[in-house]
Amino acid sequence: MATTKPIPGPAVDTLTQGERLLLWSFRAWVSGAGHRPMVMREFGRTFPADDAGPAIRALDRSVAAIAGHARRAIVHHPVCGQQVTPDERVVLALFAAVQAERVELAVRLARWLVRPAGVTPLVAAAAALAFAMIENDLDLPERPAPRPERAVSPAAVALPS
């Protein structure tokens, strides 16, 4: 049985409620169809009935843009992981940049994750979910994202290509 070392990063318990929801939802969605009903239930509790469906679709489009256009394997922890990988930090920073209306920063962060054809779909999908989060008092603070040259080598789980 192969083992991997945890990827060092900030602890999940240091994140805001909005960051934890986004991170958990991202991890669960990319972990496969078996985890998706949990995300749908949580979004149903978190967002008003009219907003839950569009928020889920925005999450799905965000993950699809990353998975379909990823420059490399995007590393994430399992749903229950207690640390945040550098790639997960970039995802959180991208959504926070969109919430702060810092489109240029969001585009730069998207370019780190995806090839050029995926930048616009990723930023657009992130905007839809990020603004739904704002409407429900789930603000995402701007935090520094890791620089590519400082990123830790992949050691855990990667999005399927």
N, C-alpha and C. Protein backbone atom coordinates (compact mmCIF):
# COMPACT_ATOMS: atom_id res chain seq x y z
N MET A 1 0.84 -1.17 0.00
CA MET A 1 0.00 0.00 0.00
C MET A 1 0.89 1.24 0.00
N ALA A 2 0.70 2.08 -0.97
CA ALA A 2 1.50 3.30 -1.07
C ALA A 2 0.97 4.33 -0.08
N THR A 3 1.88 5.06 0.52
CA THR A 3 1.48 6.13 1.42
C THR A 3 2.03 7.44 0.88
N THR A 4 1.38 8.50 1.25
CA THR A 4 1.85 9.82 0.84
C THR A 4 1.95 10.70 2.07
N LYS A 5 2.87 11.62 2.03
CA LYS A 5 3.01 12.57 3.11
C LYS A 5 1.98 13.68 2.91
N PRO A 6 1.39 14.17 3.98
CA PRO A 6 0.48 15.29 3.81
C PRO A 6 1.22 16.49 3.24
N ILE A 7 0.53 17.26 2.44
CA ILE A 7 1.12 18.46 1.87
C ILE A 7 0.97 19.57 2.90
N PRO A 8 2.07 20.21 3.28
CA PRO A 8 1.96 21.27 4.28
C PRO A 8 1.17 22.45 3.71
N GLY A 9 0.47 23.09 4.57
CA GLY A 9 -0.30 24.26 4.17
C GLY A 9 -1.12 24.73 5.35
N PRO A 10 -1.88 25.78 5.16
CA PRO A 10 -2.68 26.27 6.27
C PRO A 10 -3.69 25.22 6.71
N ALA A 11 -4.04 25.27 7.97
CA ALA A 11 -5.03 24.34 8.50
C ALA A 11 -6.43 24.78 8.09
N VAL A 12 -7.28 23.82 7.78
CA VAL A 12 -8.65 24.11 7.38
C VAL A 12 -9.38 24.90 8.48
N ASP A 13 -9.09 24.59 9.74
CA ASP A 13 -9.81 25.27 10.82
C ASP A 13 -9.45 26.75 10.96
N THR A 14 -8.46 27.22 10.20
CA THR A 14 -8.13 28.65 10.21
C THR A 14 -8.89 29.42 9.13
N LEU A 15 -9.66 28.71 8.31
CA LEU A 15 -10.39 29.34 7.22
C LEU A 15 -11.73 29.90 7.71
N THR A 16 -12.25 30.85 6.97
CA THR A 16 -13.57 31.40 7.27
C THR A 16 -14.65 30.39 6.88
N GLN A 17 -15.88 30.66 7.30
CA GLN A 17 -17.00 29.78 6.95
C GLN A 17 -17.14 29.66 5.44
N GLY A 18 -17.03 30.77 4.72
CA GLY A 18 -17.14 30.73 3.26
C GLY A 18 -16.03 29.93 2.61
N GLU A 19 -14.81 30.12 3.11
CA GLU A 19 -13.68 29.36 2.56
C GLU A 19 -13.85 27.87 2.82
N ARG A 20 -14.29 27.51 4.02
CA ARG A 20 -14.49 26.09 4.34
C ARG A 20 -15.56 25.48 3.45
N LEU A 21 -16.67 26.22 3.23
CA LEU A 21 -17.72 25.70 2.35
C LEU A 21 -17.20 25.49 0.94
N LEU A 22 -16.49 26.48 0.42
CA LEU A 22 -15.96 26.38 -0.94
C LEU A 22 -14.95 25.24 -1.06
N LEU A 23 -14.03 25.15 -0.11
CA LEU A 23 -13.01 24.10 -0.15
C LEU A 23 -13.65 22.72 -0.03
N TRP A 24 -14.52 22.55 0.95
CA TRP A 24 -15.18 21.26 1.14
C TRP A 24 -15.98 20.88 -0.11
N SER A 25 -16.72 21.84 -0.66
CA SER A 25 -17.53 21.56 -1.85
C SER A 25 -16.67 21.18 -3.04
N PHE A 26 -15.57 21.91 -3.23
CA PHE A 26 -14.64 21.61 -4.31
C PHE A 26 -14.10 20.18 -4.16
N ARG A 27 -13.60 19.87 -2.98
CA ARG A 27 -13.04 18.54 -2.73
C ARG A 27 -14.07 17.44 -2.94
N ALA A 28 -15.26 17.65 -2.41
CA ALA A 28 -16.30 16.64 -2.54
C ALA A 28 -16.71 16.46 -3.99
N TRP A 29 -16.85 17.57 -4.72
CA TRP A 29 -17.30 17.49 -6.12
C TRP A 29 -16.29 16.75 -6.98
N VAL A 30 -15.00 17.03 -6.77
CA VAL A 30 -13.99 16.37 -7.60
C VAL A 30 -13.73 14.93 -7.16
N SER A 31 -14.23 14.57 -5.99
CA SER A 31 -14.02 13.20 -5.50
C SER A 31 -14.96 12.19 -6.14
N GLY A 32 -15.93 12.67 -6.89
CA GLY A 32 -16.78 11.75 -7.63
C GLY A 32 -18.25 11.90 -7.30
N ALA A 33 -19.03 11.23 -8.10
CA ALA A 33 -20.48 11.35 -8.02
C ALA A 33 -21.04 10.94 -6.66
N GLY A 34 -20.39 10.03 -5.97
CA GLY A 34 -20.87 9.58 -4.67
C GLY A 34 -20.89 10.67 -3.62
N HIS A 35 -20.04 11.67 -3.76
CA HIS A 35 -19.98 12.76 -2.79
C HIS A 35 -20.90 13.92 -3.16
N ARG A 36 -21.37 13.96 -4.38
CA ARG A 36 -22.13 15.12 -4.85
C ARG A 36 -23.46 15.33 -4.15
N PRO A 37 -24.19 14.27 -3.78
CA PRO A 37 -25.44 14.51 -3.04
C PRO A 37 -25.21 15.28 -1.73
N MET A 38 -24.08 15.04 -1.07
CA MET A 38 -23.78 15.79 0.16
C MET A 38 -23.65 17.28 -0.15
N VAL A 39 -22.98 17.60 -1.25
CA VAL A 39 -22.79 19.01 -1.62
C VAL A 39 -24.14 19.63 -1.95
N MET A 40 -24.97 18.90 -2.68
CA MET A 40 -26.29 19.43 -3.04
C MET A 40 -27.13 19.69 -1.79
N ARG A 41 -27.08 18.78 -0.82
CA ARG A 41 -27.82 19.00 0.43
C ARG A 41 -27.29 20.22 1.17
N GLU A 42 -25.97 20.34 1.24
CA GLU A 42 -25.38 21.48 1.96
C GLU A 42 -25.72 22.80 1.27
N PHE A 43 -25.65 22.82 -0.06
CA PHE A 43 -26.01 24.04 -0.78
C PHE A 43 -27.49 24.35 -0.58
N GLY A 44 -28.33 23.31 -0.49
CA GLY A 44 -29.76 23.51 -0.22
C GLY A 44 -30.01 24.13 1.13
N ARG A 45 -29.15 23.83 2.11
CA ARG A 45 -29.26 24.43 3.44
C ARG A 45 -28.65 25.83 3.48
N THR A 46 -27.59 26.04 2.70
CA THR A 46 -26.83 27.29 2.76
C THR A 46 -27.45 28.41 1.93
N PHE A 47 -27.96 28.06 0.77
CA PHE A 47 -28.50 29.06 -0.15
C PHE A 47 -30.02 28.98 -0.19
N PRO A 48 -30.68 30.12 -0.44
CA PRO A 48 -32.13 30.07 -0.63
C PRO A 48 -32.46 29.13 -1.80
N ALA A 49 -33.67 28.61 -1.78
CA ALA A 49 -34.08 27.61 -2.79
C ALA A 49 -33.78 28.06 -4.21
N ASP A 50 -34.03 29.32 -4.53
CA ASP A 50 -33.81 29.82 -5.89
C ASP A 50 -32.33 29.93 -6.25
N ASP A 51 -31.45 29.99 -5.24
CA ASP A 51 -30.02 30.16 -5.49
C ASP A 51 -29.22 28.87 -5.45
N ALA A 52 -29.76 27.83 -4.81
CA ALA A 52 -28.99 26.59 -4.62
C ALA A 52 -28.65 25.93 -5.95
N GLY A 53 -29.62 25.81 -6.85
CA GLY A 53 -29.37 25.17 -8.15
C GLY A 53 -28.33 25.91 -8.97
N PRO A 54 -28.47 27.23 -9.15
CA PRO A 54 -27.44 27.97 -9.88
C PRO A 54 -26.06 27.88 -9.21
N ALA A 55 -26.03 27.86 -7.89
CA ALA A 55 -24.73 27.76 -7.20
C ALA A 55 -24.08 26.41 -7.48
N ILE A 56 -24.87 25.34 -7.44
CA ILE A 56 -24.34 24.00 -7.75
C ILE A 56 -23.84 23.95 -9.19
N ARG A 57 -24.61 24.50 -10.11
CA ARG A 57 -24.19 24.50 -11.52
C ARG A 57 -22.91 25.31 -11.70
N ALA A 58 -22.75 26.40 -10.97
CA ALA A 58 -21.52 27.20 -11.05
C ALA A 58 -20.33 26.40 -10.51
N LEU A 59 -20.53 25.68 -9.41
CA LEU A 59 -19.47 24.82 -8.88
C LEU A 59 -19.10 23.77 -9.91
N ASP A 60 -20.11 23.14 -10.50
CA ASP A 60 -19.87 22.11 -11.51
C ASP A 60 -19.09 22.68 -12.70
N ARG A 61 -19.48 23.85 -13.17
CA ARG A 61 -18.77 24.47 -14.30
C ARG A 61 -17.34 24.85 -13.93
N SER A 62 -17.13 25.30 -12.69
CA SER A 62 -15.77 25.62 -12.23
C SER A 62 -14.88 24.39 -12.25
N VAL A 63 -15.38 23.32 -11.68
CA VAL A 63 -14.61 22.07 -11.64
C VAL A 63 -14.39 21.54 -13.05
N ALA A 64 -15.42 21.62 -13.89
CA ALA A 64 -15.28 21.15 -15.28
C ALA A 64 -14.23 21.96 -16.03
N ALA A 65 -14.19 23.27 -15.80
CA ALA A 65 -13.18 24.11 -16.47
C ALA A 65 -11.78 23.72 -16.01
N ILE A 66 -11.63 23.47 -14.71
CA ILE A 66 -10.31 23.07 -14.20
C ILE A 66 -9.95 21.69 -14.73
N ALA A 67 -10.85 20.74 -14.59
CA ALA A 67 -10.56 19.36 -15.02
C ALA A 67 -10.33 19.27 -16.52
N GLY A 68 -11.08 20.04 -17.29
CA GLY A 68 -10.99 19.95 -18.74
C GLY A 68 -9.84 20.71 -19.36
N HIS A 69 -9.29 21.66 -18.61
CA HIS A 69 -8.24 22.51 -19.17
C HIS A 69 -7.00 22.60 -18.29
N ALA A 70 -6.89 21.74 -17.30
CA ALA A 70 -5.77 21.83 -16.35
C ALA A 70 -4.43 21.76 -17.06
N ARG A 71 -3.52 22.61 -16.62
CA ARG A 71 -2.15 22.61 -17.16
C ARG A 71 -1.38 21.39 -16.69
N ARG A 72 -1.79 20.83 -15.56
CA ARG A 72 -1.09 19.72 -14.91
C ARG A 72 -2.07 19.10 -13.93
N ALA A 73 -1.66 18.09 -13.22
CA ALA A 73 -2.52 17.51 -12.19
C ALA A 73 -2.73 18.56 -11.10
N ILE A 74 -3.97 18.82 -10.76
CA ILE A 74 -4.31 19.77 -9.71
C ILE A 74 -4.43 18.97 -8.42
N VAL A 75 -3.63 19.32 -7.45
CA VAL A 75 -3.53 18.54 -6.22
C VAL A 75 -4.50 19.06 -5.17
N HIS A 76 -5.25 18.12 -4.60
CA HIS A 76 -6.17 18.47 -3.52
C HIS A 76 -6.15 17.35 -2.48
N HIS A 77 -6.54 17.71 -1.29
CA HIS A 77 -6.66 16.71 -0.24
C HIS A 77 -8.02 16.04 -0.33
N PRO A 78 -8.19 14.90 0.37
CA PRO A 78 -9.52 14.30 0.45
C PRO A 78 -10.48 15.25 1.17
N VAL A 79 -11.74 14.96 1.09
CA VAL A 79 -12.77 15.83 1.66
C VAL A 79 -12.48 16.15 3.12
N CYS A 80 -12.01 15.19 3.87
CA CYS A 80 -11.78 15.38 5.31
C CYS A 80 -10.38 15.91 5.63
N GLY A 81 -9.56 16.20 4.62
CA GLY A 81 -8.19 16.67 4.86
C GLY A 81 -8.17 17.91 5.73
N GLN A 82 -7.18 18.02 6.57
CA GLN A 82 -7.11 19.13 7.52
C GLN A 82 -6.14 20.23 7.10
N GLN A 83 -5.48 20.08 5.96
CA GLN A 83 -4.57 21.10 5.45
C GLN A 83 -5.07 21.54 4.08
N VAL A 84 -4.57 22.67 3.61
CA VAL A 84 -4.95 23.22 2.32
C VAL A 84 -3.73 23.17 1.40
N THR A 85 -3.86 22.49 0.27
CA THR A 85 -2.73 22.39 -0.67
C THR A 85 -2.50 23.73 -1.37
N PRO A 86 -1.33 23.91 -1.97
CA PRO A 86 -1.10 25.13 -2.75
C PRO A 86 -2.13 25.32 -3.86
N ASP A 87 -2.51 24.26 -4.56
CA ASP A 87 -3.52 24.40 -5.61
C ASP A 87 -4.87 24.80 -5.02
N GLU A 88 -5.24 24.23 -3.89
CA GLU A 88 -6.49 24.60 -3.25
C GLU A 88 -6.45 26.07 -2.81
N ARG A 89 -5.29 26.53 -2.36
CA ARG A 89 -5.15 27.94 -1.99
C ARG A 89 -5.37 28.83 -3.20
N VAL A 90 -4.91 28.40 -4.36
CA VAL A 90 -5.12 29.19 -5.58
C VAL A 90 -6.61 29.22 -5.93
N VAL A 91 -7.28 28.09 -5.80
CA VAL A 91 -8.73 28.07 -6.07
C VAL A 91 -9.45 29.05 -5.14
N LEU A 92 -9.14 28.99 -3.85
CA LEU A 92 -9.77 29.92 -2.90
C LEU A 92 -9.44 31.37 -3.25
N ALA A 93 -8.18 31.62 -3.61
CA ALA A 93 -7.76 32.99 -3.95
C ALA A 93 -8.45 33.48 -5.21
N LEU A 94 -8.67 32.58 -6.18
CA LEU A 94 -9.36 32.96 -7.41
C LEU A 94 -10.79 33.41 -7.10
N PHE A 95 -11.51 32.64 -6.31
CA PHE A 95 -12.88 33.01 -5.95
C PHE A 95 -12.90 34.30 -5.13
N ALA A 96 -11.94 34.46 -4.23
CA ALA A 96 -11.86 35.69 -3.43
C ALA A 96 -11.58 36.90 -4.32
N ALA A 97 -10.72 36.72 -5.31
CA ALA A 97 -10.41 37.82 -6.24
C ALA A 97 -11.65 38.23 -7.02
N VAL A 98 -12.43 37.26 -7.44
CA VAL A 98 -13.67 37.57 -8.16
C VAL A 98 -14.63 38.32 -7.24
N GLN A 99 -14.77 37.86 -5.99
CA GLN A 99 -15.65 38.57 -5.06
C GLN A 99 -15.21 40.01 -4.86
N ALA A 100 -13.90 40.24 -4.84
CA ALA A 100 -13.35 41.58 -4.64
C ALA A 100 -13.32 42.39 -5.93
N GLU A 101 -13.85 41.81 -7.00
CA GLU A 101 -13.88 42.44 -8.32
C GLU A 101 -12.48 42.77 -8.84
N ARG A 102 -11.54 41.89 -8.50
CA ARG A 102 -10.16 42.01 -8.99
C ARG A 102 -9.99 41.01 -10.13
N VAL A 103 -10.58 41.35 -11.26
CA VAL A 103 -10.65 40.44 -12.41
C VAL A 103 -9.26 40.09 -12.93
N GLU A 104 -8.36 41.07 -13.00
CA GLU A 104 -7.00 40.77 -13.50
C GLU A 104 -6.32 39.73 -12.63
N LEU A 105 -6.47 39.85 -11.31
CA LEU A 105 -5.88 38.86 -10.41
C LEU A 105 -6.54 37.49 -10.62
N ALA A 106 -7.85 37.47 -10.75
CA ALA A 106 -8.55 36.21 -10.98
C ALA A 106 -8.06 35.54 -12.26
N VAL A 107 -7.86 36.33 -13.30
CA VAL A 107 -7.37 35.78 -14.57
C VAL A 107 -5.96 35.22 -14.39
N ARG A 108 -5.08 35.95 -13.68
CA ARG A 108 -3.72 35.43 -13.44
C ARG A 108 -3.75 34.12 -12.68
N LEU A 109 -4.60 34.05 -11.66
CA LEU A 109 -4.70 32.81 -10.89
C LEU A 109 -5.25 31.68 -11.74
N ALA A 110 -6.25 31.98 -12.56
CA ALA A 110 -6.81 30.96 -13.45
C ALA A 110 -5.75 30.44 -14.42
N ARG A 111 -4.91 31.34 -14.91
CA ARG A 111 -3.85 30.93 -15.85
C ARG A 111 -2.86 29.98 -15.21
N TRP A 112 -2.70 30.05 -13.90
CA TRP A 112 -1.80 29.12 -13.22
C TRP A 112 -2.41 27.71 -13.21
N LEU A 113 -3.73 27.65 -13.12
CA LEU A 113 -4.41 26.36 -13.03
C LEU A 113 -4.72 25.74 -14.39
N VAL A 114 -5.14 26.57 -15.35
CA VAL A 114 -5.66 26.03 -16.61
C VAL A 114 -4.98 26.63 -17.83
N ARG A 115 -5.11 25.92 -18.94
CA ARG A 115 -4.61 26.42 -20.22
C ARG A 115 -5.48 27.59 -20.68
N PRO A 116 -5.03 28.35 -21.67
CA PRO A 116 -5.76 29.56 -22.09
C PRO A 116 -7.24 29.33 -22.40
N ALA A 117 -7.59 28.23 -23.02
CA ALA A 117 -8.99 27.99 -23.37
C ALA A 117 -9.88 27.82 -22.14
N GLY A 118 -9.31 27.54 -21.00
CA GLY A 118 -10.10 27.35 -19.78
C GLY A 118 -10.22 28.56 -18.89
N VAL A 119 -9.46 29.62 -19.20
CA VAL A 119 -9.44 30.79 -18.31
C VAL A 119 -10.81 31.46 -18.22
N THR A 120 -11.39 31.81 -19.36
CA THR A 120 -12.68 32.50 -19.34
C THR A 120 -13.78 31.64 -18.72
N PRO A 121 -13.91 30.37 -19.12
CA PRO A 121 -14.95 29.55 -18.47
C PRO A 121 -14.75 29.41 -16.95
N LEU A 122 -13.51 29.30 -16.51
CA LEU A 122 -13.25 29.17 -15.08
C LEU A 122 -13.61 30.45 -14.34
N VAL A 123 -13.15 31.59 -14.84
CA VAL A 123 -13.43 32.86 -14.15
C VAL A 123 -14.93 33.15 -14.16
N ALA A 124 -15.60 32.87 -15.27
CA ALA A 124 -17.04 33.12 -15.35
C ALA A 124 -17.81 32.22 -14.36
N ALA A 125 -17.46 30.96 -14.30
CA ALA A 125 -18.13 30.05 -13.38
C ALA A 125 -17.83 30.43 -11.93
N ALA A 126 -16.58 30.78 -11.66
CA ALA A 126 -16.19 31.20 -10.32
C ALA A 126 -16.97 32.45 -9.91
N ALA A 127 -17.17 33.36 -10.85
CA ALA A 127 -17.92 34.58 -10.55
C ALA A 127 -19.35 34.26 -10.15
N ALA A 128 -19.98 33.35 -10.87
CA ALA A 128 -21.38 33.00 -10.56
C ALA A 128 -21.50 32.46 -9.14
N LEU A 129 -20.60 31.56 -8.74
CA LEU A 129 -20.67 31.01 -7.39
C LEU A 129 -20.21 32.04 -6.36
N ALA A 130 -19.16 32.78 -6.66
CA ALA A 130 -18.63 33.76 -5.71
C ALA A 130 -19.68 34.82 -5.37
N PHE A 131 -20.42 35.27 -6.37
CA PHE A 131 -21.42 36.30 -6.11
C PHE A 131 -22.63 35.71 -5.38
N ALA A 132 -22.98 34.46 -5.65
CA ALA A 132 -24.04 33.80 -4.87
C ALA A 132 -23.62 33.69 -3.41
N MET A 133 -22.34 33.46 -3.19
CA MET A 133 -21.83 33.38 -1.82
C MET A 133 -21.92 34.74 -1.13
N ILE A 134 -21.58 35.82 -1.85
CA ILE A 134 -21.67 37.16 -1.27
C ILE A 134 -23.12 37.44 -0.85
N GLU A 135 -24.07 37.09 -1.71
CA GLU A 135 -25.48 37.34 -1.42
C GLU A 135 -25.94 36.63 -0.15
N ASN A 136 -25.19 35.63 0.26
CA ASN A 136 -25.55 34.85 1.45
C ASN A 136 -24.52 35.02 2.57
N ASP A 137 -23.85 36.17 2.57
CA ASP A 137 -22.89 36.54 3.62
C ASP A 137 -21.75 35.54 3.78
N LEU A 138 -21.32 34.96 2.68
CA LEU A 138 -20.18 34.05 2.68
C LEU A 138 -19.03 34.72 1.95
N ASP A 139 -18.47 35.72 2.60
CA ASP A 139 -17.37 36.47 2.00
C ASP A 139 -16.08 35.66 2.08
N LEU A 140 -15.27 35.82 1.06
CA LEU A 140 -13.98 35.15 0.99
C LEU A 140 -12.89 36.20 1.14
N PRO A 141 -12.07 36.10 2.18
CA PRO A 141 -11.01 37.09 2.35
C PRO A 141 -9.91 36.90 1.32
N GLU A 142 -9.30 37.99 0.95
CA GLU A 142 -8.15 37.88 0.04
C GLU A 142 -6.95 37.47 0.86
N ARG A 143 -6.34 36.38 0.45
CA ARG A 143 -5.13 35.86 1.09
C ARG A 143 -4.10 35.65 -0.01
N PRO A 144 -2.83 35.72 0.35
CA PRO A 144 -1.82 35.48 -0.69
C PRO A 144 -1.87 34.05 -1.19
N ALA A 145 -1.81 33.90 -2.49
CA ALA A 145 -1.73 32.57 -3.10
C ALA A 145 -0.26 32.19 -3.22
N PRO A 146 0.03 30.90 -3.20
CA PRO A 146 1.43 30.49 -3.36
C PRO A 146 1.94 30.84 -4.75
N ARG A 147 3.19 31.13 -4.85
CA ARG A 147 3.81 31.38 -6.15
C ARG A 147 4.15 30.04 -6.78
N PRO A 148 4.04 29.95 -8.10
CA PRO A 148 4.31 28.66 -8.76
C PRO A 148 5.67 28.08 -8.40
N GLU A 149 6.69 28.92 -8.29
CA GLU A 149 8.01 28.37 -8.00
C GLU A 149 8.14 27.88 -6.58
N ARG A 150 7.19 28.26 -5.71
CA ARG A 150 7.23 27.81 -4.33
C ARG A 150 6.25 26.68 -4.06
N ALA A 151 5.54 26.28 -5.06
CA ALA A 151 4.53 25.24 -4.87
C ALA A 151 5.18 23.93 -4.45
N VAL A 152 4.50 23.22 -3.59
CA VAL A 152 4.99 21.94 -3.10
C VAL A 152 4.69 20.88 -4.15
N SER A 153 5.57 19.91 -4.27
CA SER A 153 5.35 18.83 -5.24
C SER A 153 4.08 18.08 -4.93
N PRO A 154 3.37 17.61 -5.96
CA PRO A 154 2.15 16.84 -5.72
C PRO A 154 2.44 15.60 -4.89
N ALA A 155 1.57 15.34 -3.92
CA ALA A 155 1.77 14.17 -3.09
C ALA A 155 0.48 13.47 -2.73
N ALA A 156 -0.65 14.07 -3.06
CA ALA A 156 -1.90 13.47 -2.59
C ALA A 156 -2.75 13.00 -3.76
N VAL A 157 -3.86 13.62 -3.97
CA VAL A 157 -4.84 13.20 -4.97
C VAL A 157 -4.92 14.28 -6.05
N ALA A 158 -5.15 13.89 -7.27
CA ALA A 158 -5.23 14.86 -8.37
C ALA A 158 -6.57 14.73 -9.07
N LEU A 159 -7.03 15.84 -9.65
CA LEU A 159 -8.25 15.82 -10.43
C LEU A 159 -8.08 14.88 -11.61
N PRO A 160 -9.12 14.17 -11.98
CA PRO A 160 -9.02 13.35 -13.19
C PRO A 160 -8.95 14.24 -14.42
N SER A 161 -8.20 13.82 -15.43
CA SER A 161 -8.11 14.64 -16.65
C SER A 161 -9.17 14.25 -17.64
